[in-house]
Amino acid sequence: MQYTHLGRSGLMVSRLCLGTMNFGPFTSEADSFAIMDRALEAGVNFFDTADNYGANLGGDGHRGWTEEIMGRWFAQGGGRREKVVLATKLYTNASAWPNQGKLSARYIKEACELSLRNLQTDHLDLYQMHHIDRGTPWEEIWEAMELLRFQGKIIYCGSSNFGGWHIAQAQERAAKRNFFGLASEQSLYNLLSRTIELEVIPACQSYGMGLIPWSPLAGGLLGGVLQKEKAGTRSERLSAQAEQQRPRLAAFEGIAEELGMSPSHLALAWLLHQPIVTAPIIGPRTLQQFEETLPVVDRALDAATLEKLETLFPGPGGAAPEAYAW
């Protein structure tokens, strides 16, 4: 496994981040344990979750289910918690009752305490704000985060789904307080979704933040959806999107075939070649899926392949404002 710093911090994380959203709703506790054990064995030390996982996909799940599964895995001991860089998130409403969501100082405290209990740990390595809260001032947010850090309950702060302006606001307010601020941003980023290249990536670069892409396979579209169609295993939920992107996806899967790679490996390898990217989030449902993903960290793409992908999936034209103005 390869490792890199999380942004400008001294924290070292694996180049793949284990996403746990499927744990509980789609992956049994026993299988989740097996995936996490194998992740450590393979050197993957960066695990990402959220306090609403378990209920966020509907069905018979409940809020905190995923964190609870991870907590029971940590409780087995064997150095599991010590080896893992543990990241979770807060923001989503826990109920319809007032003050049960977003980023007030009160809710930050409450959400952190609940995640610590669910995860059966005394601290969170990376505490991420799942969305921007336009109704709470940064002075209040940072004061609450500073207190949690002083108490030893969190070490680093991160953002998720922030705009470039939000990152700038957060970091400038943190600097005035002599606080470290955001270590990383977790954003939607893949070959089909490159909007963050306009503002978010330049902001991350300017403030020395790591970037953790979620949905690196564009919800499965970059995972060989047309190959699965030929094999008769395509998921119906992807049908409409796949039809819209069919010509590009066919060309993309053709490039992967020429390279002797799976489409999913090609999509992940492209992200790993972007200098700003710390670690794409992979979200396996099965141990087999996890095993199949591991080799991607050793796959290098040459300049010709990167150029083909750039032509096939052009970004917005670079950073703003040059991307759209003279």
C-alpha atoms as a PDB file:
ATOM      1  CA  MET A   1       0.000   0.000   0.000  1.00  0.00           C
ATOM      2  CA  GLN A   2       1.103   3.550  -0.686  1.00  0.00           C
ATOM      3  CA  TYR A   3       0.631   6.376   1.810  1.00  0.00           C
ATOM      4  CA  THR A   4       0.501  10.146   1.655  1.00  0.00           C
ATOM      5  CA  HIS A   5      -0.054  13.089   3.977  1.00  0.00           C
ATOM      6  CA  LEU A   6      -3.611  14.267   4.554  1.00  0.00           C
ATOM      7  CA  GLY A   7      -3.173  17.708   3.055  1.00  0.00           C
ATOM      8  CA  ARG A   8      -0.662  19.876   4.906  1.00  0.00           C
ATOM      9  CA  SER A   9      -1.024  17.805   8.079  1.00  0.00           C
ATOM     10  CA  GLY A  10       1.531  15.322   9.344  1.00  0.00           C
ATOM     11  CA  LEU A  11      -1.059  12.526   9.275  1.00  0.00           C
ATOM     12  CA  MET A  12      -0.260   9.659   6.901  1.00  0.00           C
ATOM     13  CA  VAL A  13      -3.161   7.873   5.208  1.00  0.00           C
ATOM     14  CA  SER A  14      -3.430   5.112   2.616  1.00  0.00           C
ATOM     15  CA  ARG A  15      -4.045   6.075  -1.020  1.00  0.00           C
ATOM     16  CA  LEU A  16      -7.356   4.213  -0.855  1.00  0.00           C
ATOM     17  CA  CYS A  17      -9.985   5.143   1.723  1.00  0.00           C
ATOM     18  CA  LEU A  18     -12.390   2.433   2.846  1.00  0.00           C
ATOM     19  CA  GLY A  19     -15.925   3.767   2.616  1.00  0.00           C
ATOM     20  CA  THR A  20     -18.411   2.028   4.883  1.00  0.00           C
ATOM     21  CA  MET A  21     -21.803   3.233   3.641  1.00  0.00           C
ATOM     22  CA  ASN A  22     -22.836  -0.306   2.677  1.00  0.00           C
ATOM     23  CA  PHE A  23     -22.088  -1.745   6.119  1.00  0.00           C
ATOM     24  CA  GLY A  24     -25.421  -2.724   7.614  1.00  0.00           C
ATOM     25  CA  PRO A  25     -27.916  -2.006   4.808  1.00  0.00           C
ATOM     26  CA  PHE A  26     -26.162  -4.105   2.142  1.00  0.00           C
ATOM     27  CA  THR A  27     -23.244  -5.797   3.897  1.00  0.00           C
ATOM     28  CA  SER A  28     -23.768  -8.010   6.939  1.00  0.00           C
ATOM     29  CA  GLU A  29     -21.869  -7.354  10.145  1.00  0.00           C
ATOM     30  CA  ALA A  30     -19.783 -10.502   9.664  1.00  0.00           C
ATOM     31  CA  ASP A  31     -18.866  -9.509   6.103  1.00  0.00           C
ATOM     32  CA  SER A  32     -18.152  -5.936   7.219  1.00  0.00           C
ATOM     33  CA  PHE A  33     -15.755  -7.305   9.851  1.00  0.00           C
ATOM     34  CA  ALA A  34     -14.032  -9.421   7.186  1.00  0.00           C
ATOM     35  CA  ILE A  35     -13.599  -6.427   4.867  1.00  0.00           C
ATOM     36  CA  MET A  36     -12.146  -4.248   7.630  1.00  0.00           C
ATOM     37  CA  ASP A  37      -9.780  -7.014   8.764  1.00  0.00           C
ATOM     38  CA  ARG A  38      -8.597  -7.509   5.188  1.00  0.00           C
ATOM     39  CA  ALA A  39      -8.200  -3.741   4.757  1.00  0.00           C
ATOM     40  CA  LEU A  40      -5.761  -3.573   7.665  1.00  0.00           C
ATOM     41  CA  GLU A  41      -3.949  -6.654   6.392  1.00  0.00           C
ATOM     42  CA  ALA A  42      -3.543  -4.909   3.027  1.00  0.00           C
ATOM     43  CA  GLY A  43      -2.330  -1.695   4.660  1.00  0.00           C
ATOM     44  CA  VAL A  44      -5.487   0.376   4.133  1.00  0.00           C
ATOM     45  CA  ASN A  45      -5.555   2.511   7.283  1.00  0.00           C
ATOM     46  CA  PHE A  46      -8.056   5.223   6.262  1.00  0.00           C
ATOM     47  CA  PHE A  47     -11.712   4.407   7.094  1.00  0.00           C
ATOM     48  CA  ASP A  48     -14.584   6.815   6.353  1.00  0.00           C
ATOM     49  CA  THR A  49     -18.112   6.717   7.749  1.00  0.00           C
ATOM     50  CA  ALA A  50     -20.900   9.097   8.840  1.00  0.00           C
ATOM     51  CA  ASP A  51     -23.318   9.327  11.733  1.00  0.00           C
ATOM     52  CA  ASN A  52     -26.342   8.887   9.439  1.00  0.00           C
ATOM     53  CA  TYR A  53     -25.090   5.780   7.632  1.00  0.00           C
ATOM     54  CA  GLY A  54     -27.381   2.842   8.188  1.00  0.00           C
ATOM     55  CA  ALA A  55     -30.553   4.868   7.761  1.00  0.00           C
ATOM     56  CA  ASN A  56     -29.522   6.917   4.752  1.00  0.00           C
ATOM     57  CA  LEU A  57     -30.274   4.165   2.227  1.00  0.00           C
ATOM     58  CA  GLY A  58     -33.800   3.432   3.437  1.00  0.00           C
ATOM     59  CA  GLY A  59     -35.116  -0.026   4.228  1.00  0.00           C
ATOM     60  CA  ASP A  60     -35.126  -1.394   7.754  1.00  0.00           C
ATOM     61  CA  GLY A  61     -31.906   0.272   8.848  1.00  0.00           C
ATOM     62  CA  HIS A  62     -31.412   2.837  11.561  1.00  0.00           C
ATOM     63  CA  ARG A  63     -29.258   5.887  12.018  1.00  0.00           C
ATOM     64  CA  GLY A  64     -25.829   5.041  13.407  1.00  0.00           C
ATOM     65  CA  TRP A  65     -26.000   1.389  12.341  1.00  0.00           C
ATOM     66  CA  THR A  66     -22.755   1.587  10.368  1.00  0.00           C
ATOM     67  CA  GLU A  67     -20.888   3.340  13.181  1.00  0.00           C
ATOM     68  CA  GLU A  68     -22.154   0.710  15.614  1.00  0.00           C
ATOM     69  CA  ILE A  69     -20.846  -2.111  13.419  1.00  0.00           C
ATOM     70  CA  MET A  70     -17.466  -0.424  13.272  1.00  0.00           C
ATOM     71  CA  GLY A  71     -17.543   0.093  17.036  1.00  0.00           C
ATOM     72  CA  ARG A  72     -18.069  -3.603  17.671  1.00  0.00           C
ATOM     73  CA  TRP A  73     -15.194  -4.359  15.285  1.00  0.00           C
ATOM     74  CA  PHE A  74     -12.896  -1.952  17.149  1.00  0.00           C
ATOM     75  CA  ALA A  75     -13.970  -3.517  20.459  1.00  0.00           C
ATOM     76  CA  GLN A  76     -12.353  -6.796  19.428  1.00  0.00           C
ATOM     77  CA  GLY A  77      -8.995  -5.164  20.122  1.00  0.00           C
ATOM     78  CA  GLY A  78      -5.880  -6.450  18.448  1.00  0.00           C
ATOM     79  CA  GLY A  79      -4.690  -2.935  17.642  1.00  0.00           C
ATOM     80  CA  ARG A  80      -7.606  -2.313  15.294  1.00  0.00           C
ATOM     81  CA  ARG A  81      -8.430   1.163  16.569  1.00  0.00           C
ATOM     82  CA  GLU A  82      -4.785   2.194  16.923  1.00  0.00           C
ATOM     83  CA  LYS A  83      -4.042   1.322  13.285  1.00  0.00           C
ATOM     84  CA  VAL A  84      -7.057   3.078  11.760  1.00  0.00           C
ATOM     85  CA  VAL A  85      -7.314   6.742  10.817  1.00  0.00           C
ATOM     86  CA  LEU A  86     -11.000   7.083  11.645  1.00  0.00           C
ATOM     87  CA  ALA A  87     -13.121   9.662   9.855  1.00  0.00           C
ATOM     88  CA  THR A  88     -16.803  10.306  10.431  1.00  0.00           C
ATOM     89  CA  LYS A  89     -19.233  13.106   9.609  1.00  0.00           C
ATOM     90  CA  LEU A  90     -22.009  15.165  11.153  1.00  0.00           C
ATOM     91  CA  TYR A  91     -24.730  17.490   9.850  1.00  0.00           C
ATOM     92  CA  THR A  92     -27.790  15.499   8.786  1.00  0.00           C
ATOM     93  CA  ASN A  93     -30.841  15.935  11.013  1.00  0.00           C
ATOM     94  CA  ALA A  94     -31.218  13.208  13.628  1.00  0.00           C
ATOM     95  CA  SER A  95     -34.928  14.003  13.938  1.00  0.00           C
ATOM     96  CA  ALA A  96     -37.480  16.660  13.044  1.00  0.00           C
ATOM     97  CA  TRP A  97     -36.984  18.256  16.463  1.00  0.00           C
ATOM     98  CA  PRO A  98     -35.184  21.646  16.509  1.00  0.00           C
ATOM     99  CA  ASN A  99     -31.408  21.600  17.095  1.00  0.00           C
ATOM    100  CA  GLN A 100     -31.075  17.967  15.973  1.00  0.00           C
ATOM    101  CA  GLY A 101     -28.894  18.696  12.990  1.00  0.00           C
ATOM    102  CA  LYS A 102     -26.569  21.040  11.112  1.00  0.00           C
ATOM    103  CA  LEU A 103     -23.628  22.783  12.825  1.00  0.00           C
ATOM    104  CA  SER A 104     -24.714  24.678  15.914  1.00  0.00           C
ATOM    105  CA  ALA A 105     -22.284  24.399  18.827  1.00  0.00           C
ATOM    106  CA  ARG A 106     -24.909  22.425  20.709  1.00  0.00           C
ATOM    107  CA  TYR A 107     -25.392  19.888  17.935  1.00  0.00           C
ATOM    108  CA  ILE A 108     -21.653  19.536  17.237  1.00  0.00           C
ATOM    109  CA  LYS A 109     -21.177  18.497  20.868  1.00  0.00           C
ATOM    110  CA  GLU A 110     -24.170  16.143  20.826  1.00  0.00           C
ATOM    111  CA  ALA A 111     -23.269  14.527  17.514  1.00  0.00           C
ATOM    112  CA  CYS A 112     -19.652  13.989  18.515  1.00  0.00           C
ATOM    113  CA  GLU A 113     -20.609  12.316  21.795  1.00  0.00           C
ATOM    114  CA  LEU A 114     -23.005   9.973  19.992  1.00  0.00           C
ATOM    115  CA  SER A 115     -20.441   8.998  17.344  1.00  0.00           C
ATOM    116  CA  LEU A 116     -17.866   8.291  20.041  1.00  0.00           C
ATOM    117  CA  ARG A 117     -20.338   5.969  21.770  1.00  0.00           C
ATOM    118  CA  ASN A 118     -21.344   4.252  18.540  1.00  0.00           C
ATOM    119  CA  LEU A 119     -17.728   3.748  17.475  1.00  0.00           C
ATOM    120  CA  GLN A 120     -16.602   2.679  20.960  1.00  0.00           C
ATOM    121  CA  THR A 121     -13.621   5.018  20.873  1.00  0.00           C
ATOM    122  CA  ASP A 122     -12.413   8.025  22.842  1.00  0.00           C
ATOM    123  CA  HIS A 123     -11.533  10.185  19.850  1.00  0.00           C
ATOM    124  CA  LEU A 124     -12.141  10.785  16.145  1.00  0.00           C
ATOM    125  CA  ASP A 125      -9.119  11.307  13.923  1.00  0.00           C
ATOM    126  CA  LEU A 126     -10.987  13.340  11.301  1.00  0.00           C
ATOM    127  CA  TYR A 127     -14.322  14.992  12.086  1.00  0.00           C
ATOM    128  CA  GLN A 128     -15.983  16.155   8.881  1.00  0.00           C
ATOM    129  CA  MET A 129     -18.843  18.582   8.364  1.00  0.00           C
ATOM    130  CA  HIS A 130     -21.064  16.777   5.858  1.00  0.00           C
ATOM    131  CA  HIS A 131     -22.441  20.004   4.359  1.00  0.00           C
ATOM    132  CA  ILE A 132     -22.176  23.747   4.735  1.00  0.00           C
ATOM    133  CA  ASP A 133     -24.463  25.344   7.343  1.00  0.00           C
ATOM    134  CA  ARG A 134     -25.265  28.840   6.115  1.00  0.00           C
ATOM    135  CA  GLY A 135     -27.221  29.592   9.287  1.00  0.00           C
ATOM    136  CA  THR A 136     -24.386  29.172  11.810  1.00  0.00           C
ATOM    137  CA  PRO A 137     -21.431  31.614  11.993  1.00  0.00           C
ATOM    138  CA  TRP A 138     -17.930  30.230  11.655  1.00  0.00           C
ATOM    139  CA  GLU A 139     -16.974  31.717  15.012  1.00  0.00           C
ATOM    140  CA  GLU A 140     -19.491  29.393  16.674  1.00  0.00           C
ATOM    141  CA  ILE A 141     -18.483  26.350  14.616  1.00  0.00           C
ATOM    142  CA  TRP A 142     -14.766  26.783  15.246  1.00  0.00           C
ATOM    143  CA  GLU A 143     -15.245  27.475  18.946  1.00  0.00           C
ATOM    144  CA  ALA A 144     -17.129  24.171  19.256  1.00  0.00           C
ATOM    145  CA  MET A 145     -14.507  22.277  17.257  1.00  0.00           C
ATOM    146  CA  GLU A 146     -11.669  23.852  19.247  1.00  0.00           C
ATOM    147  CA  LEU A 147     -13.296  22.690  22.478  1.00  0.00           C
ATOM    148  CA  LEU A 148     -13.612  19.119  21.164  1.00  0.00           C
ATOM    149  CA  ARG A 149      -9.970  19.185  20.162  1.00  0.00           C
ATOM    150  CA  PHE A 150      -8.933  20.589  23.549  1.00  0.00           C
ATOM    151  CA  GLN A 151     -10.885  17.758  25.195  1.00  0.00           C
ATOM    152  CA  GLY A 152      -9.076  15.206  23.027  1.00  0.00           C
ATOM    153  CA  LYS A 153     -12.262  14.060  21.312  1.00  0.00           C
ATOM    154  CA  ILE A 154     -11.196  15.049  17.793  1.00  0.00           C
ATOM    155  CA  ILE A 155      -7.816  15.630  16.187  1.00  0.00           C
ATOM    156  CA  TYR A 156      -8.443  17.040  12.705  1.00  0.00           C
ATOM    157  CA  CYS A 157     -11.426  18.783  11.101  1.00  0.00           C
ATOM    158  CA  GLY A 158     -12.600  18.289   7.556  1.00  0.00           C
ATOM    159  CA  SER A 159     -15.356  19.465   5.237  1.00  0.00           C
ATOM    160  CA  SER A 160     -17.534  17.649   2.737  1.00  0.00           C
ATOM    161  CA  ASN A 161     -19.534  19.044  -0.170  1.00  0.00           C
ATOM    162  CA  PHE A 162     -18.261  22.591   0.453  1.00  0.00           C
ATOM    163  CA  GLY A 163     -17.903  25.188  -2.273  1.00  0.00           C
ATOM    164  CA  GLY A 164     -14.620  26.983  -2.835  1.00  0.00           C
ATOM    165  CA  TRP A 165     -15.970  30.119  -1.148  1.00  0.00           C
ATOM    166  CA  HIS A 166     -17.049  28.094   1.889  1.00  0.00           C
ATOM    167  CA  ILE A 167     -13.536  26.664   2.206  1.00  0.00           C
ATOM    168  CA  ALA A 168     -12.062  30.159   2.011  1.00  0.00           C
ATOM    169  CA  GLN A 169     -14.462  31.440   4.679  1.00  0.00           C
ATOM    170  CA  ALA A 170     -13.703  28.533   6.974  1.00  0.00           C
ATOM    171  CA  GLN A 171      -9.939  28.793   6.637  1.00  0.00           C
ATOM    172  CA  GLU A 172      -9.757  32.552   7.025  1.00  0.00           C
ATOM    173  CA  ARG A 173     -11.882  32.443  10.175  1.00  0.00           C
ATOM    174  CA  ALA A 174      -9.761  29.602  11.552  1.00  0.00           C
ATOM    175  CA  ALA A 175      -6.547  31.519  10.845  1.00  0.00           C
ATOM    176  CA  LYS A 176      -7.821  34.496  12.864  1.00  0.00           C
ATOM    177  CA  ARG A 177      -8.285  32.142  15.805  1.00  0.00           C
ATOM    178  CA  ASN A 178      -4.854  30.523  15.322  1.00  0.00           C
ATOM    179  CA  PHE A 179      -6.683  27.263  14.677  1.00  0.00           C
ATOM    180  CA  PHE A 180      -5.541  24.655  12.164  1.00  0.00           C
ATOM    181  CA  GLY A 181      -8.871  24.704  10.348  1.00  0.00           C
ATOM    182  CA  LEU A 182      -9.757  22.208   7.640  1.00  0.00           C
ATOM    183  CA  ALA A 183      -7.316  19.418   6.819  1.00  0.00           C
ATOM    184  CA  SER A 184      -9.347  18.026   3.936  1.00  0.00           C
ATOM    185  CA  GLU A 185     -12.406  18.313   1.727  1.00  0.00           C
ATOM    186  CA  GLN A 186     -14.525  15.346   0.638  1.00  0.00           C
ATOM    187  CA  SER A 187     -16.181  16.031  -2.712  1.00  0.00           C
ATOM    188  CA  LEU A 188     -17.928  14.389  -5.625  1.00  0.00           C
ATOM    189  CA  TYR A 189     -15.159  13.902  -8.167  1.00  0.00           C
ATOM    190  CA  ASN A 190     -14.753  11.485 -11.052  1.00  0.00           C
ATOM    191  CA  LEU A 191     -14.254  11.527 -14.814  1.00  0.00           C
ATOM    192  CA  LEU A 192     -17.920  12.354 -15.355  1.00  0.00           C
ATOM    193  CA  SER A 193     -18.147  14.978 -12.581  1.00  0.00           C
ATOM    194  CA  ARG A 194     -15.314  17.503 -12.696  1.00  0.00           C
ATOM    195  CA  THR A 195     -17.046  20.726 -11.658  1.00  0.00           C
ATOM    196  CA  ILE A 196     -14.884  21.043  -8.525  1.00  0.00           C
ATOM    197  CA  GLU A 197     -11.894  21.806 -10.746  1.00  0.00           C
ATOM    198  CA  LEU A 198     -13.308  25.338 -11.121  1.00  0.00           C
ATOM    199  CA  GLU A 199     -13.232  26.523  -7.499  1.00  0.00           C
ATOM    200  CA  VAL A 200     -12.959  23.723  -4.930  1.00  0.00           C
ATOM    201  CA  ILE A 201      -9.677  22.195  -6.064  1.00  0.00           C
ATOM    202  CA  PRO A 202      -7.944  25.604  -6.360  1.00  0.00           C
ATOM    203  CA  ALA A 203      -9.161  26.427  -2.828  1.00  0.00           C
ATOM    204  CA  CYS A 204      -7.839  23.110  -1.493  1.00  0.00           C
ATOM    205  CA  GLN A 205      -4.494  23.706  -3.175  1.00  0.00           C
ATOM    206  CA  SER A 206      -4.267  27.248  -1.827  1.00  0.00           C
ATOM    207  CA  TYR A 207      -5.010  26.194   1.757  1.00  0.00           C
ATOM    208  CA  GLY A 208      -2.974  22.987   1.720  1.00  0.00           C
ATOM    209  CA  MET A 209      -5.949  20.662   2.070  1.00  0.00           C
ATOM    210  CA  GLY A 210      -6.255  17.060   1.012  1.00  0.00           C
ATOM    211  CA  LEU A 211      -9.039  15.983  -1.358  1.00  0.00           C
ATOM    212  CA  ILE A 212     -11.037  12.812  -0.734  1.00  0.00           C
ATOM    213  CA  PRO A 213     -13.231  12.025  -3.772  1.00  0.00           C
ATOM    214  CA  TRP A 214     -16.525  10.250  -3.189  1.00  0.00           C
ATOM    215  CA  SER A 215     -18.384   8.301  -5.878  1.00  0.00           C
ATOM    216  CA  PRO A 216     -15.168   7.732  -7.885  1.00  0.00           C
ATOM    217  CA  LEU A 217     -17.070   5.372 -10.222  1.00  0.00           C
ATOM    218  CA  ALA A 218     -19.951   7.825 -10.785  1.00  0.00           C
ATOM    219  CA  GLY A 219     -22.490   5.589  -9.100  1.00  0.00           C
ATOM    220  CA  GLY A 220     -21.317   2.585 -11.114  1.00  0.00           C
ATOM    221  CA  LEU A 221     -21.304   4.188 -14.565  1.00  0.00           C
ATOM    222  CA  LEU A 222     -17.508   3.969 -14.712  1.00  0.00           C
ATOM    223  CA  GLY A 223     -17.470   0.437 -13.300  1.00  0.00           C
ATOM    224  CA  GLY A 224     -18.098  -1.395 -16.570  1.00  0.00           C
ATOM    225  CA  VAL A 225     -21.836  -0.863 -16.881  1.00  0.00           C
ATOM    226  CA  LEU A 226     -21.888  -1.766 -20.592  1.00  0.00           C
ATOM    227  CA  GLN A 227     -19.839  -4.897 -19.977  1.00  0.00           C
ATOM    228  CA  LYS A 228     -22.427  -5.869 -17.362  1.00  0.00           C
ATOM    229  CA  GLU A 229     -25.168  -5.186 -19.903  1.00  0.00           C
ATOM    230  CA  LYS A 230     -23.598  -7.673 -22.310  1.00  0.00           C
ATOM    231  CA  ALA A 231     -23.312 -10.194 -19.507  1.00  0.00           C
ATOM    232  CA  GLY A 232     -26.940  -9.613 -18.517  1.00  0.00           C
ATOM    233  CA  THR A 233     -26.083  -8.307 -15.053  1.00  0.00           C
ATOM    234  CA  ARG A 234     -26.629  -4.575 -15.480  1.00  0.00           C
ATOM    235  CA  SER A 235     -28.491  -2.853 -12.648  1.00  0.00           C
ATOM    236  CA  GLU A 236     -31.757  -1.320 -13.827  1.00  0.00           C
ATOM    237  CA  ARG A 237     -31.199   1.784 -11.713  1.00  0.00           C
ATOM    238  CA  LEU A 238     -28.308   2.700 -14.004  1.00  0.00           C
ATOM    239  CA  SER A 239     -30.170   2.175 -17.259  1.00  0.00           C
ATOM    240  CA  ALA A 240     -31.289   5.754 -17.988  1.00  0.00           C
ATOM    241  CA  GLN A 241     -27.926   7.285 -17.125  1.00  0.00           C
ATOM    242  CA  ALA A 242     -26.056   4.593 -19.021  1.00  0.00           C
ATOM    243  CA  GLU A 243     -28.101   5.253 -22.145  1.00  0.00           C
ATOM    244  CA  GLN A 244     -27.326   8.975 -21.999  1.00  0.00           C
ATOM    245  CA  GLN A 245     -23.599   8.309 -21.701  1.00  0.00           C
ATOM    246  CA  ARG A 246     -23.458   5.183 -23.873  1.00  0.00           C
ATOM    247  CA  PRO A 247     -21.029   6.442 -26.591  1.00  0.00           C
ATOM    248  CA  ARG A 248     -18.539   7.819 -24.073  1.00  0.00           C
ATOM    249  CA  LEU A 249     -18.838   4.798 -21.804  1.00  0.00           C
ATOM    250  CA  ALA A 250     -18.262   2.459 -24.731  1.00  0.00           C
ATOM    251  CA  ALA A 251     -15.093   4.367 -25.670  1.00  0.00           C
ATOM    252  CA  PHE A 252     -13.986   4.415 -22.034  1.00  0.00           C
ATOM    253  CA  GLU A 253     -14.460   0.683 -21.611  1.00  0.00           C
ATOM    254  CA  GLY A 254     -12.585   0.197 -24.883  1.00  0.00           C
ATOM    255  CA  ILE A 255      -9.581   2.103 -23.504  1.00  0.00           C
ATOM    256  CA  ALA A 256      -9.658  -0.053 -20.381  1.00  0.00           C
ATOM    257  CA  GLU A 257      -9.751  -3.206 -22.475  1.00  0.00           C
ATOM    258  CA  GLU A 258      -6.775  -2.052 -24.547  1.00  0.00           C
ATOM    259  CA  LEU A 259      -4.811  -1.515 -21.334  1.00  0.00           C
ATOM    260  CA  GLY A 260      -5.850  -4.855 -19.866  1.00  0.00           C
ATOM    261  CA  MET A 261      -7.555  -3.036 -16.992  1.00  0.00           C
ATOM    262  CA  SER A 262     -11.049  -3.140 -15.624  1.00  0.00           C
ATOM    263  CA  PRO A 263     -13.058   0.072 -16.193  1.00  0.00           C
ATOM    264  CA  SER A 264     -13.244   0.641 -12.432  1.00  0.00           C
ATOM    265  CA  HIS A 265      -9.450   0.413 -12.134  1.00  0.00           C
ATOM    266  CA  LEU A 266      -9.037   2.911 -14.957  1.00  0.00           C
ATOM    267  CA  ALA A 267     -11.418   5.387 -13.300  1.00  0.00           C
ATOM    268  CA  LEU A 268      -9.663   5.056  -9.941  1.00  0.00           C
ATOM    269  CA  ALA A 269      -6.201   5.223 -11.504  1.00  0.00           C
ATOM    270  CA  TRP A 270      -7.139   8.515 -13.194  1.00  0.00           C
ATOM    271  CA  LEU A 271      -8.079   9.971  -9.810  1.00  0.00           C
ATOM    272  CA  LEU A 272      -4.856   8.715  -8.224  1.00  0.00           C
ATOM    273  CA  HIS A 273      -2.932  10.567 -10.960  1.00  0.00           C
ATOM    274  CA  GLN A 274      -4.488  13.904  -9.966  1.00  0.00           C
ATOM    275  CA  PRO A 275      -1.927  15.639  -7.703  1.00  0.00           C
ATOM    276  CA  ILE A 276      -4.556  17.067  -5.336  1.00  0.00           C
ATOM    277  CA  VAL A 277      -6.200  13.705  -4.626  1.00  0.00           C
ATOM    278  CA  THR A 278      -5.336  12.134  -1.292  1.00  0.00           C
ATOM    279  CA  ALA A 279      -7.411   8.961  -1.472  1.00  0.00           C
ATOM    280  CA  PRO A 280     -10.552   8.043  -3.424  1.00  0.00           C
ATOM    281  CA  ILE A 281     -13.268   6.453  -1.296  1.00  0.00           C
ATOM    282  CA  ILE A 282     -14.019   2.870  -2.284  1.00  0.00           C
ATOM    283  CA  GLY A 283     -17.255   1.401  -0.934  1.00  0.00           C
ATOM    284  CA  PRO A 284     -17.215  -2.374  -1.370  1.00  0.00           C
ATOM    285  CA  ARG A 285     -20.302  -4.411  -0.621  1.00  0.00           C
ATOM    286  CA  THR A 286     -18.346  -7.665  -0.565  1.00  0.00           C
ATOM    287  CA  LEU A 287     -14.858  -8.866   0.306  1.00  0.00           C
ATOM    288  CA  GLN A 288     -14.387  -9.880  -3.329  1.00  0.00           C
ATOM    289  CA  GLN A 289     -15.077  -6.341  -4.496  1.00  0.00           C
ATOM    290  CA  PHE A 290     -12.518  -5.045  -2.019  1.00  0.00           C
ATOM    291  CA  GLU A 291      -9.899  -7.564  -3.176  1.00  0.00           C
ATOM    292  CA  GLU A 292     -10.505  -6.665  -6.813  1.00  0.00           C
ATOM    293  CA  THR A 293      -9.923  -2.969  -6.086  1.00  0.00           C
ATOM    294  CA  LEU A 294      -6.629  -3.235  -4.167  1.00  0.00           C
ATOM    295  CA  PRO A 295      -4.225  -3.584  -7.148  1.00  0.00           C
ATOM    296  CA  VAL A 296      -5.248  -0.189  -8.553  1.00  0.00           C
ATOM    297  CA  VAL A 297      -2.718   1.672  -6.390  1.00  0.00           C
ATOM    298  CA  ASP A 298       0.069   0.100  -8.441  1.00  0.00           C
ATOM    299  CA  ARG A 299      -1.416   0.883 -11.867  1.00  0.00           C
ATOM    300  CA  ALA A 300       0.352   3.736 -13.649  1.00  0.00           C
ATOM    301  CA  LEU A 301      -1.193   5.523 -16.612  1.00  0.00           C
ATOM    302  CA  ASP A 302       1.026   6.931 -19.342  1.00  0.00           C
ATOM    303  CA  ALA A 303       0.644  10.403 -20.813  1.00  0.00           C
ATOM    304  CA  ALA A 304      -1.110   9.087 -23.930  1.00  0.00           C
ATOM    305  CA  THR A 305      -3.796   7.370 -21.872  1.00  0.00           C
ATOM    306  CA  LEU A 306      -4.320  10.430 -19.695  1.00  0.00           C
ATOM    307  CA  GLU A 307      -4.697  12.525 -22.854  1.00  0.00           C
ATOM    308  CA  LYS A 308      -7.302  10.107 -24.251  1.00  0.00           C
ATOM    309  CA  LEU A 309      -9.295  10.321 -21.044  1.00  0.00           C
ATOM    310  CA  GLU A 310      -9.055  14.116 -21.047  1.00  0.00           C
ATOM    311  CA  THR A 311     -10.423  14.214 -24.583  1.00  0.00           C
ATOM    312  CA  LEU A 312     -13.200  11.754 -23.797  1.00  0.00           C
ATOM    313  CA  PHE A 313     -14.185  13.354 -20.487  1.00  0.00           C
ATOM    314  CA  PRO A 314     -13.147  17.018 -20.726  1.00  0.00           C
ATOM    315  CA  GLY A 315     -13.227  19.013 -17.535  1.00  0.00           C
ATOM    316  CA  PRO A 316     -14.620  22.534 -17.224  1.00  0.00           C
ATOM    317  CA  GLY A 317     -11.483  23.973 -18.753  1.00  0.00           C
ATOM    318  CA  GLY A 318      -9.340  24.415 -15.682  1.00  0.00           C
ATOM    319  CA  ALA A 319      -9.708  26.740 -12.745  1.00  0.00           C
ATOM    320  CA  ALA A 320     -12.045  29.721 -12.589  1.00  0.00           C
ATOM    321  CA  PRO A 321     -12.144  32.345 -13.956  1.00  0.00           C
ATOM    322  CA  GLU A 322      -9.859  31.378 -16.850  1.00  0.00           C
ATOM    323  CA  ALA A 323     -12.094  28.363 -17.581  1.00  0.00           C
ATOM    324  CA  TYR A 324     -14.861  30.664 -18.765  1.00  0.00           C
ATOM    325  CA  ALA A 325     -13.388  34.151 -19.128  1.00  0.00           C
ATOM    326  CA  TRP A 326     -10.569  35.613 -21.200  1.00  0.00           C
END
